[in-house]
Amino acid sequence: HFDFHPGKERDGMAKYIASNGRNGLFLNTKIRKPKPGTSPSDAANLAQAQIEEDLKALNVDYVDMLMLRDSPDCDVMQAQWVVLENALASGKTRSIGVINYCEGSLKCLLQTAKVKPALNYYLLHVGMGRDAHGLRTFCDENGIKTFAYGAVGEPGPNEDILNNPLLKKIGVAHKKSPEEVALRWVLQSGAAVSVRPTTNFGLGVSVCEEDDGGKCAIGLEKRAGVFGWSLSKKEMTLLDAMNGPDDNPTLFSSSGCPGAFVMPK
C-alpha cells in the first residue's frame, strides 16, 4: 500500500512503476485542497483535473484509492465528492475515502453522497483514546473504516509519546521500542495505520532520497516489527487511558469541527 501526494512522492512512484511494473502495488493518492474561496464548480473541476493528471503521471488506467481532503465549505466537499464517485463508476479508481473529516463534515458529505467513503484518514495516536469526540463510533455506525496517521505524533514523532514511561515499560516487556508499541496499539484497537519510511519529514511530506544510504528501507523494516505479537488486554486498557500531549490539534479544517482532541483524564 503506497499513500502519496502529487509531486515528488508521486513522481517517485511513477519512476518505480516504469521500471518494475505495478504488480502487487496498492496506489492511494490524495486530491489537493482547493484555495479558500474556490467555488464548488471550480473545486470539482480541480479534482477532475488532478485525477487525470495523476493517471497520466503514473501511466496507469486507475488507482486503487482516491482520498478527498476536508474543506470549510460543505458545498465544496459535496461537489468534489461527486467527481470521486464518477471516477469510481468509470473505473478510474477502485475505492474512495476522505481525509480529516470530523463528524460534522461527514454528515455534510452523507447528505448528498451516493457512495459512502470507504475510510476516514485522520490523526490517531496513543494518548488520544480510541474514540476521541466519538468519531470512531460515528464512522463505525456508517460503515466507514478508520485509517490512522501520526501514530507517534504529527508532523513528526512527539518526544512526549516516545519517552512515555508506560510505552517504555510495555516495550521492554515485549522487547519492542516505544514506537512499535504505539503502532501496535492503533492496529489492535481496530484501525488501519500508515507509517512513513523516514522520520525526517514535514507536515504531509515524506520523501526518501536515492542516496539515503538505505535509511528508508531500514525505517520500513523497523516499523514492520508491529506484526507478529500482541498487547495484553491489561496493556491495551492502560494505553487506552493514557494521557497525550496537551492541546493536541485535530488538523480538521471544516466549519464546526473541534479544534483539538480532548485527552482522557
Foldseek 3Di string as FASTA:
>chain_A
DDEAEPDPSLLVLLVCCVVPNCPPDQFEYEQDDDDPPDDLVRLLVSLLVVLVVSCVSSVHQAHAEYEYEFDQDLSNLQSNVVSVVVCCVVVRYVFYAYELDAPVSQVSNVVDDPDHHQAYEFADEFQLFLQFVNRCVSCVVVNHAYEHEQHQHPPAHDPCQQVPPLLPVQCVVVVAGSSLVTQLLCVVSPHHYDDALDRPAHGRDGDDDPPPVCSSVVSVVNNVVNPDDHDDPVSSVVRNQHHDDPQAAGPHHYPPDDGGTDGHD
